[in-house]
Amino acid sequence: MSEVPDLTAVEWLGSSSVRAPRTVADLVGVDLPVYVRILHPAGRVEGGTCVDVRWDVVARANGRRMHPEVEWGSITGSWSVDAQPPAWEESPDSGALTESVARGLAKVLRHVGADSGVVWAGTWEGWDTEWPDLEGPVCRFNATGREMLAYSGETAKFLPASPQDTMRDYLNLCWSPAGHWCVSTDIDLNSTVIGASEDIAARILESEDLEAYRVSPDQKLTWDTDKINPLPAPPS
């Protein structure tokens, strides 16, 4: 008879005391000491190579202000604009953990010793893909109203740093079975939110590789969240 997997770590998700939809805590799914939002970089071509462009660069180019609730359409002036050269030429990726963000997160977790052992990960069932070299999915579960597939394995399987490791494109959740941290990249958002301990959150906020802000658990992540910069027309 095959061993029945311990699904306690999966059942832990969804225990957040904040139930309002599309909030930081709703996306992370659990109560943790600190929440951080990492902005996915835009891109600009230099010498035939696409390089990362931080949101604060785009904001300065458009005379906008940066703050924890900033939204991309509010600093560009429109959700439909495709480029604003020379500042940026490619929009931030939505629904996917970018290479630089994955690399920065992996570096932080490695530094604090939080990347050792087995972690859990979830991918949206709609991606219709599987991680190679991993048995599973272990089970199906619901998170933020989406059907997810759960896998377990070493951190490096889910937060790879090399451009050849494309499975990070399908990583929507990744969390410590000990409950120390949880990373969430919703399929519709161009930022990643993390719930973590004070130490891990501090390292993320201090990282030069990541453009991150400390956020409240009840902060919404919707197109009209930015109340400081001019509100553009809603995305079509």
C-alpha atoms as a PDB file:
ATOM      1  CA  MET A   1       0.000   0.000   0.000  1.00  0.00           C
ATOM      2  CA  SER A   2       1.394   3.437  -0.940  1.00  0.00           C
ATOM      3  CA  GLU A   3       2.023   5.948   1.825  1.00  0.00           C
ATOM      4  CA  VAL A   4      -0.705   8.549   2.270  1.00  0.00           C
ATOM      5  CA  PRO A   5       0.870  12.030   2.113  1.00  0.00           C
ATOM      6  CA  ASP A   6       0.561  14.389   5.077  1.00  0.00           C
ATOM      7  CA  LEU A   7      -1.645  17.200   3.765  1.00  0.00           C
ATOM      8  CA  THR A   8      -1.494  19.336   6.913  1.00  0.00           C
ATOM      9  CA  ALA A   9       0.654  21.922   5.125  1.00  0.00           C
ATOM     10  CA  VAL A  10      -1.928  22.207   2.340  1.00  0.00           C
ATOM     11  CA  GLU A  11      -4.819  22.472   4.771  1.00  0.00           C
ATOM     12  CA  TRP A  12      -2.939  25.349   6.465  1.00  0.00           C
ATOM     13  CA  LEU A  13      -3.612  27.533   3.427  1.00  0.00           C
ATOM     14  CA  GLY A  14      -6.895  29.384   3.585  1.00  0.00           C
ATOM     15  CA  SER A  15      -6.707  29.946   7.330  1.00  0.00           C
ATOM     16  CA  SER A  16      -6.289  33.713   6.995  1.00  0.00           C
ATOM     17  CA  SER A  17      -8.481  35.808   9.285  1.00  0.00           C
ATOM     18  CA  VAL A  18      -8.816  38.393   6.475  1.00  0.00           C
ATOM     19  CA  ARG A  19     -11.491  37.078   4.140  1.00  0.00           C
ATOM     20  CA  ALA A  20     -12.017  40.106   1.871  1.00  0.00           C
ATOM     21  CA  PRO A  21     -11.318  39.020  -1.730  1.00  0.00           C
ATOM     22  CA  ARG A  22      -8.330  40.325  -3.678  1.00  0.00           C
ATOM     23  CA  THR A  23      -6.529  41.474  -0.547  1.00  0.00           C
ATOM     24  CA  VAL A  24      -2.928  40.619   0.289  1.00  0.00           C
ATOM     25  CA  ALA A  25      -3.892  38.195   3.066  1.00  0.00           C
ATOM     26  CA  ASP A  26      -6.532  36.589   0.860  1.00  0.00           C
ATOM     27  CA  LEU A  27      -3.933  35.899  -1.829  1.00  0.00           C
ATOM     28  CA  VAL A  28      -1.342  34.586   0.635  1.00  0.00           C
ATOM     29  CA  GLY A  29      -4.048  32.607   2.374  1.00  0.00           C
ATOM     30  CA  VAL A  30      -2.598  32.552   5.897  1.00  0.00           C
ATOM     31  CA  ASP A  31      -1.889  34.856   8.824  1.00  0.00           C
ATOM     32  CA  LEU A  32       1.808  35.711   9.101  1.00  0.00           C
ATOM     33  CA  PRO A  33       3.675  38.481  10.980  1.00  0.00           C
ATOM     34  CA  VAL A  34       4.582  40.622   7.944  1.00  0.00           C
ATOM     35  CA  TYR A  35       3.384  40.975   4.360  1.00  0.00           C
ATOM     36  CA  VAL A  36       5.544  42.234   1.506  1.00  0.00           C
ATOM     37  CA  ARG A  37       4.691  43.084  -2.090  1.00  0.00           C
ATOM     38  CA  ILE A  38       7.323  42.619  -4.801  1.00  0.00           C
ATOM     39  CA  LEU A  39       6.777  44.487  -8.065  1.00  0.00           C
ATOM     40  CA  HIS A  40       7.580  42.581 -11.259  1.00  0.00           C
ATOM     41  CA  PRO A  41      10.029  44.629 -13.327  1.00  0.00           C
ATOM     42  CA  ALA A  42       9.264  46.081 -16.729  1.00  0.00           C
ATOM     43  CA  GLY A  43      11.847  45.722 -19.500  1.00  0.00           C
ATOM     44  CA  ARG A  44      13.973  47.749 -21.880  1.00  0.00           C
ATOM     45  CA  VAL A  45      16.197  46.522 -24.696  1.00  0.00           C
ATOM     46  CA  GLU A  46      19.864  47.456 -24.362  1.00  0.00           C
ATOM     47  CA  GLY A  47      22.434  46.045 -26.770  1.00  0.00           C
ATOM     48  CA  GLY A  48      20.013  43.398 -27.984  1.00  0.00           C
ATOM     49  CA  THR A  49      19.239  42.221 -24.446  1.00  0.00           C
ATOM     50  CA  CYS A  50      16.147  42.950 -22.371  1.00  0.00           C
ATOM     51  CA  VAL A  51      17.107  44.429 -19.009  1.00  0.00           C
ATOM     52  CA  ASP A  52      14.899  44.976 -15.976  1.00  0.00           C
ATOM     53  CA  VAL A  53      13.324  48.384 -15.376  1.00  0.00           C
ATOM     54  CA  ARG A  54      12.070  49.173 -11.890  1.00  0.00           C
ATOM     55  CA  TRP A  55       8.690  50.782 -11.374  1.00  0.00           C
ATOM     56  CA  ASP A  56      10.270  53.766  -9.627  1.00  0.00           C
ATOM     57  CA  VAL A  57      12.124  54.566 -12.868  1.00  0.00           C
ATOM     58  CA  VAL A  58       8.821  54.537 -14.768  1.00  0.00           C
ATOM     59  CA  ALA A  59       7.144  56.628 -12.074  1.00  0.00           C
ATOM     60  CA  ARG A  60       9.852  59.301 -12.236  1.00  0.00           C
ATOM     61  CA  ALA A  61       9.646  59.400 -16.031  1.00  0.00           C
ATOM     62  CA  ASN A  62       5.907  60.110 -15.774  1.00  0.00           C
ATOM     63  CA  GLY A  63       5.953  62.413 -12.766  1.00  0.00           C
ATOM     64  CA  ARG A  64       4.166  59.850 -10.570  1.00  0.00           C
ATOM     65  CA  ARG A  65       4.769  58.814  -6.958  1.00  0.00           C
ATOM     66  CA  MET A  66       5.791  55.413  -5.604  1.00  0.00           C
ATOM     67  CA  HIS A  67       4.050  53.931  -2.561  1.00  0.00           C
ATOM     68  CA  PRO A  68       2.910  50.473  -1.327  1.00  0.00           C
ATOM     69  CA  GLU A  69      -0.457  50.608  -3.150  1.00  0.00           C
ATOM     70  CA  VAL A  70       0.970  51.750  -6.484  1.00  0.00           C
ATOM     71  CA  GLU A  71      -0.530  50.226  -9.628  1.00  0.00           C
ATOM     72  CA  TRP A  72       1.120  49.957 -13.056  1.00  0.00           C
ATOM     73  CA  GLY A  73      -1.651  51.729 -14.947  1.00  0.00           C
ATOM     74  CA  SER A  74      -1.498  54.641 -12.529  1.00  0.00           C
ATOM     75  CA  ILE A  75       2.227  55.304 -13.030  1.00  0.00           C
ATOM     76  CA  THR A  76       2.097  54.895 -16.818  1.00  0.00           C
ATOM     77  CA  GLY A  77      -1.179  56.795 -17.179  1.00  0.00           C
ATOM     78  CA  SER A  78      -2.923  53.929 -18.962  1.00  0.00           C
ATOM     79  CA  TRP A  79      -3.397  50.164 -18.726  1.00  0.00           C
ATOM     80  CA  SER A  80      -3.302  49.880 -22.509  1.00  0.00           C
ATOM     81  CA  VAL A  81       0.021  51.569 -23.258  1.00  0.00           C
ATOM     82  CA  ASP A  82       2.574  49.057 -24.598  1.00  0.00           C
ATOM     83  CA  ALA A  83       5.773  51.081 -24.201  1.00  0.00           C
ATOM     84  CA  GLN A  84       7.145  54.470 -23.185  1.00  0.00           C
ATOM     85  CA  PRO A  85      10.659  54.640 -24.643  1.00  0.00           C
ATOM     86  CA  PRO A  86      13.253  55.317 -23.578  1.00  0.00           C
ATOM     87  CA  ALA A  87      12.014  54.468 -20.053  1.00  0.00           C
ATOM     88  CA  TRP A  88      10.514  51.038 -20.818  1.00  0.00           C
ATOM     89  CA  GLU A  89       9.551  48.844 -23.766  1.00  0.00           C
ATOM     90  CA  GLU A  90       8.024  45.721 -22.211  1.00  0.00           C
ATOM     91  CA  SER A  91       5.293  45.608 -19.564  1.00  0.00           C
ATOM     92  CA  PRO A  92       5.785  43.683 -16.309  1.00  0.00           C
ATOM     93  CA  ASP A  93       4.856  40.012 -16.494  1.00  0.00           C
ATOM     94  CA  SER A  94       1.486  39.122 -15.018  1.00  0.00           C
ATOM     95  CA  GLY A  95       0.760  35.750 -13.452  1.00  0.00           C
ATOM     96  CA  ALA A  96       4.359  34.571 -13.584  1.00  0.00           C
ATOM     97  CA  LEU A  97       7.293  34.810 -11.215  1.00  0.00           C
ATOM     98  CA  THR A  98       9.985  36.544 -13.269  1.00  0.00           C
ATOM     99  CA  GLU A  99      13.552  35.251 -13.395  1.00  0.00           C
ATOM    100  CA  SER A 100      14.963  38.171 -11.415  1.00  0.00           C
ATOM    101  CA  VAL A 101      12.268  37.994  -8.725  1.00  0.00           C
ATOM    102  CA  ALA A 102      12.715  34.221  -8.373  1.00  0.00           C
ATOM    103  CA  ARG A 103      16.477  34.693  -8.127  1.00  0.00           C
ATOM    104  CA  GLY A 104      16.126  37.456  -5.538  1.00  0.00           C
ATOM    105  CA  LEU A 105      13.702  35.455  -3.413  1.00  0.00           C
ATOM    106  CA  ALA A 106      15.855  32.335  -3.579  1.00  0.00           C
ATOM    107  CA  LYS A 107      18.851  34.389  -2.459  1.00  0.00           C
ATOM    108  CA  VAL A 108      16.963  35.748   0.557  1.00  0.00           C
ATOM    109  CA  LEU A 109      15.633  32.349   1.613  1.00  0.00           C
ATOM    110  CA  ARG A 110      19.077  30.823   1.237  1.00  0.00           C
ATOM    111  CA  HIS A 111      20.655  33.593   3.330  1.00  0.00           C
ATOM    112  CA  VAL A 112      18.290  33.071   6.262  1.00  0.00           C
ATOM    113  CA  GLY A 113      18.425  29.291   5.977  1.00  0.00           C
ATOM    114  CA  ALA A 114      14.767  29.101   5.041  1.00  0.00           C
ATOM    115  CA  ASP A 115      15.328  27.185   1.809  1.00  0.00           C
ATOM    116  CA  SER A 116      16.438  23.903   3.357  1.00  0.00           C
ATOM    117  CA  GLY A 117      14.335  20.767   3.233  1.00  0.00           C
ATOM    118  CA  VAL A 118      11.076  20.194   1.422  1.00  0.00           C
ATOM    119  CA  VAL A 119       8.605  22.959   0.620  1.00  0.00           C
ATOM    120  CA  TRP A 120       5.152  22.939  -0.920  1.00  0.00           C
ATOM    121  CA  ALA A 121       4.036  24.592  -4.134  1.00  0.00           C
ATOM    122  CA  GLY A 122       0.789  25.158  -5.959  1.00  0.00           C
ATOM    123  CA  THR A 123       0.122  25.738  -9.630  1.00  0.00           C
ATOM    124  CA  TRP A 124      -3.180  26.823 -11.145  1.00  0.00           C
ATOM    125  CA  GLU A 125      -4.921  23.833 -12.714  1.00  0.00           C
ATOM    126  CA  GLY A 126      -5.688  25.923 -15.792  1.00  0.00           C
ATOM    127  CA  TRP A 127      -2.009  26.020 -16.798  1.00  0.00           C
ATOM    128  CA  ASP A 128      -2.407  22.342 -17.725  1.00  0.00           C
ATOM    129  CA  THR A 129       1.231  21.528 -17.004  1.00  0.00           C
ATOM    130  CA  GLU A 130       3.302  19.426 -14.619  1.00  0.00           C
ATOM    131  CA  TRP A 131       6.670  19.912 -12.983  1.00  0.00           C
ATOM    132  CA  PRO A 132       9.282  17.473 -14.280  1.00  0.00           C
ATOM    133  CA  ASP A 133      11.122  15.167 -11.871  1.00  0.00           C
ATOM    134  CA  LEU A 134       8.354  15.472  -9.279  1.00  0.00           C
ATOM    135  CA  GLU A 135       5.706  12.958  -8.358  1.00  0.00           C
ATOM    136  CA  GLY A 136       2.256  14.344  -8.279  1.00  0.00           C
ATOM    137  CA  PRO A 137       0.288  16.352  -8.079  1.00  0.00           C
ATOM    138  CA  VAL A 138      -0.150  15.261  -4.471  1.00  0.00           C
ATOM    139  CA  CYS A 139      -3.659  16.676  -4.313  1.00  0.00           C
ATOM    140  CA  ARG A 140      -6.003  19.353  -5.587  1.00  0.00           C
ATOM    141  CA  PHE A 141      -7.072  22.293  -3.447  1.00  0.00           C
ATOM    142  CA  ASN A 142      -8.806  25.638  -3.745  1.00  0.00           C
ATOM    143  CA  ALA A 143      -7.015  28.932  -3.150  1.00  0.00           C
ATOM    144  CA  THR A 144      -8.477  32.405  -3.767  1.00  0.00           C
ATOM    145  CA  GLY A 145     -11.298  30.809  -5.710  1.00  0.00           C
ATOM    146  CA  ARG A 146      -8.997  28.921  -8.088  1.00  0.00           C
ATOM    147  CA  GLU A 147      -8.448  25.195  -8.375  1.00  0.00           C
ATOM    148  CA  MET A 148      -4.783  24.426  -7.677  1.00  0.00           C
ATOM    149  CA  LEU A 149      -2.496  21.399  -7.901  1.00  0.00           C
ATOM    150  CA  ALA A 150      -0.141  20.787  -4.968  1.00  0.00           C
ATOM    151  CA  TYR A 151       3.417  19.503  -5.243  1.00  0.00           C
ATOM    152  CA  SER A 152       6.240  19.118  -2.759  1.00  0.00           C
ATOM    153  CA  GLY A 153       9.991  19.185  -3.312  1.00  0.00           C
ATOM    154  CA  GLU A 154      13.177  21.118  -2.698  1.00  0.00           C
ATOM    155  CA  THR A 155      13.007  24.915  -2.892  1.00  0.00           C
ATOM    156  CA  ALA A 156      15.286  25.004  -5.936  1.00  0.00           C
ATOM    157  CA  LYS A 157      12.652  23.106  -7.907  1.00  0.00           C
ATOM    158  CA  PHE A 158      10.194  25.973  -7.518  1.00  0.00           C
ATOM    159  CA  LEU A 159      12.408  29.082  -7.286  1.00  0.00           C
ATOM    160  CA  PRO A 160      15.020  28.372  -9.982  1.00  0.00           C
ATOM    161  CA  ALA A 161      17.368  31.169 -10.964  1.00  0.00           C
ATOM    162  CA  SER A 162      18.454  30.176 -14.460  1.00  0.00           C
ATOM    163  CA  PRO A 163      16.545  31.338 -17.549  1.00  0.00           C
ATOM    164  CA  GLN A 164      16.327  27.728 -18.764  1.00  0.00           C
ATOM    165  CA  ASP A 165      14.145  26.769 -15.788  1.00  0.00           C
ATOM    166  CA  THR A 166      10.776  27.836 -17.123  1.00  0.00           C
ATOM    167  CA  MET A 167       8.658  26.010 -14.536  1.00  0.00           C
ATOM    168  CA  ARG A 168       8.654  29.157 -12.396  1.00  0.00           C
ATOM    169  CA  ASP A 169       6.229  30.515 -15.022  1.00  0.00           C
ATOM    170  CA  TYR A 170       3.596  28.233 -13.509  1.00  0.00           C
ATOM    171  CA  LEU A 171       4.373  28.809  -9.824  1.00  0.00           C
ATOM    172  CA  ASN A 172       1.401  30.486  -8.160  1.00  0.00           C
ATOM    173  CA  LEU A 173       2.046  29.468  -4.551  1.00  0.00           C
ATOM    174  CA  CYS A 174       5.098  28.296  -2.643  1.00  0.00           C
ATOM    175  CA  TRP A 175       5.233  27.878   1.117  1.00  0.00           C
ATOM    176  CA  SER A 176       7.185  26.456   4.020  1.00  0.00           C
ATOM    177  CA  PRO A 177       5.545  23.433   5.677  1.00  0.00           C
ATOM    178  CA  ALA A 178       6.696  24.920   8.988  1.00  0.00           C
ATOM    179  CA  GLY A 179       4.535  27.982   8.298  1.00  0.00           C
ATOM    180  CA  HIS A 180       7.387  30.525   8.213  1.00  0.00           C
ATOM    181  CA  TRP A 181       6.637  32.014   4.789  1.00  0.00           C
ATOM    182  CA  CYS A 182       4.304  31.822   1.801  1.00  0.00           C
ATOM    183  CA  VAL A 183       4.803  33.288  -1.693  1.00  0.00           C
ATOM    184  CA  SER A 184       1.791  34.043  -3.891  1.00  0.00           C
ATOM    185  CA  THR A 185       1.770  35.096  -7.551  1.00  0.00           C
ATOM    186  CA  ASP A 186      -1.799  35.388  -8.784  1.00  0.00           C
ATOM    187  CA  ILE A 187      -2.423  34.649 -12.461  1.00  0.00           C
ATOM    188  CA  ASP A 188      -3.856  38.150 -13.029  1.00  0.00           C
ATOM    189  CA  LEU A 189      -1.300  40.266 -11.146  1.00  0.00           C
ATOM    190  CA  ASN A 190       2.030  41.846 -12.061  1.00  0.00           C
ATOM    191  CA  SER A 191       3.315  41.685  -8.507  1.00  0.00           C
ATOM    192  CA  THR A 192       4.041  38.929  -6.000  1.00  0.00           C
ATOM    193  CA  VAL A 193       2.993  39.010  -2.352  1.00  0.00           C
ATOM    194  CA  ILE A 194       4.726  37.231   0.503  1.00  0.00           C
ATOM    195  CA  GLY A 195       3.743  36.553   4.073  1.00  0.00           C
ATOM    196  CA  ALA A 196       6.764  35.887   6.259  1.00  0.00           C
ATOM    197  CA  SER A 197       8.565  36.285   9.552  1.00  0.00           C
ATOM    198  CA  GLU A 198      10.058  39.667  10.468  1.00  0.00           C
ATOM    199  CA  ASP A 199      13.561  38.445   9.563  1.00  0.00           C
ATOM    200  CA  ILE A 200      12.662  37.151   6.115  1.00  0.00           C
ATOM    201  CA  ALA A 201      10.551  40.223   5.332  1.00  0.00           C
ATOM    202  CA  ALA A 202      13.374  42.550   6.387  1.00  0.00           C
ATOM    203  CA  ARG A 203      15.784  40.755   4.058  1.00  0.00           C
ATOM    204  CA  ILE A 204      13.354  41.079   1.152  1.00  0.00           C
ATOM    205  CA  LEU A 205      12.855  44.795   1.785  1.00  0.00           C
ATOM    206  CA  GLU A 206      16.631  45.351   2.017  1.00  0.00           C
ATOM    207  CA  SER A 207      17.425  43.365  -1.146  1.00  0.00           C
ATOM    208  CA  GLU A 208      18.816  45.418  -4.036  1.00  0.00           C
ATOM    209  CA  ASP A 209      17.519  42.708  -6.374  1.00  0.00           C
ATOM    210  CA  LEU A 210      13.869  43.258  -5.456  1.00  0.00           C
ATOM    211  CA  GLU A 211      11.593  46.298  -5.612  1.00  0.00           C
ATOM    212  CA  ALA A 212       9.466  45.608  -2.560  1.00  0.00           C
ATOM    213  CA  TYR A 213       7.156  47.333  -0.107  1.00  0.00           C
ATOM    214  CA  ARG A 214       5.774  46.343   3.260  1.00  0.00           C
ATOM    215  CA  VAL A 215       1.984  46.156   2.936  1.00  0.00           C
ATOM    216  CA  SER A 216      -0.994  45.602   5.207  1.00  0.00           C
ATOM    217  CA  PRO A 217      -2.876  42.284   5.081  1.00  0.00           C
ATOM    218  CA  ASP A 218      -6.112  44.026   4.088  1.00  0.00           C
ATOM    219  CA  GLN A 219      -4.587  46.009   1.205  1.00  0.00           C
ATOM    220  CA  LYS A 220      -6.454  45.340  -2.024  1.00  0.00           C
ATOM    221  CA  LEU A 221      -4.652  44.476  -5.247  1.00  0.00           C
ATOM    222  CA  THR A 222      -6.976  45.744  -7.927  1.00  0.00           C
ATOM    223  CA  TRP A 223      -6.578  48.119 -10.867  1.00  0.00           C
ATOM    224  CA  ASP A 224      -8.057  51.040  -8.897  1.00  0.00           C
ATOM    225  CA  THR A 225      -6.186  50.554  -5.592  1.00  0.00           C
ATOM    226  CA  ASP A 226      -3.783  53.457  -6.200  1.00  0.00           C
ATOM    227  CA  LYS A 227      -5.382  56.512  -4.567  1.00  0.00           C
ATOM    228  CA  ILE A 228      -2.312  58.772  -4.799  1.00  0.00           C
ATOM    229  CA  ASN A 229      -1.593  58.867  -8.536  1.00  0.00           C
ATOM    230  CA  PRO A 230      -4.214  59.852 -11.158  1.00  0.00           C
ATOM    231  CA  LEU A 231      -6.616  56.968 -11.806  1.00  0.00           C
ATOM    232  CA  PRO A 232      -6.575  55.771 -15.421  1.00  0.00           C
ATOM    233  CA  ALA A 233      -9.445  54.155 -17.305  1.00  0.00           C
ATOM    234  CA  PRO A 234      -9.990  50.538 -16.249  1.00  0.00           C
ATOM    235  CA  PRO A 235      -8.123  47.829 -18.165  1.00  0.00           C
ATOM    236  CA  SER A 236     -10.082  46.451 -21.084  1.00  0.00           C
END
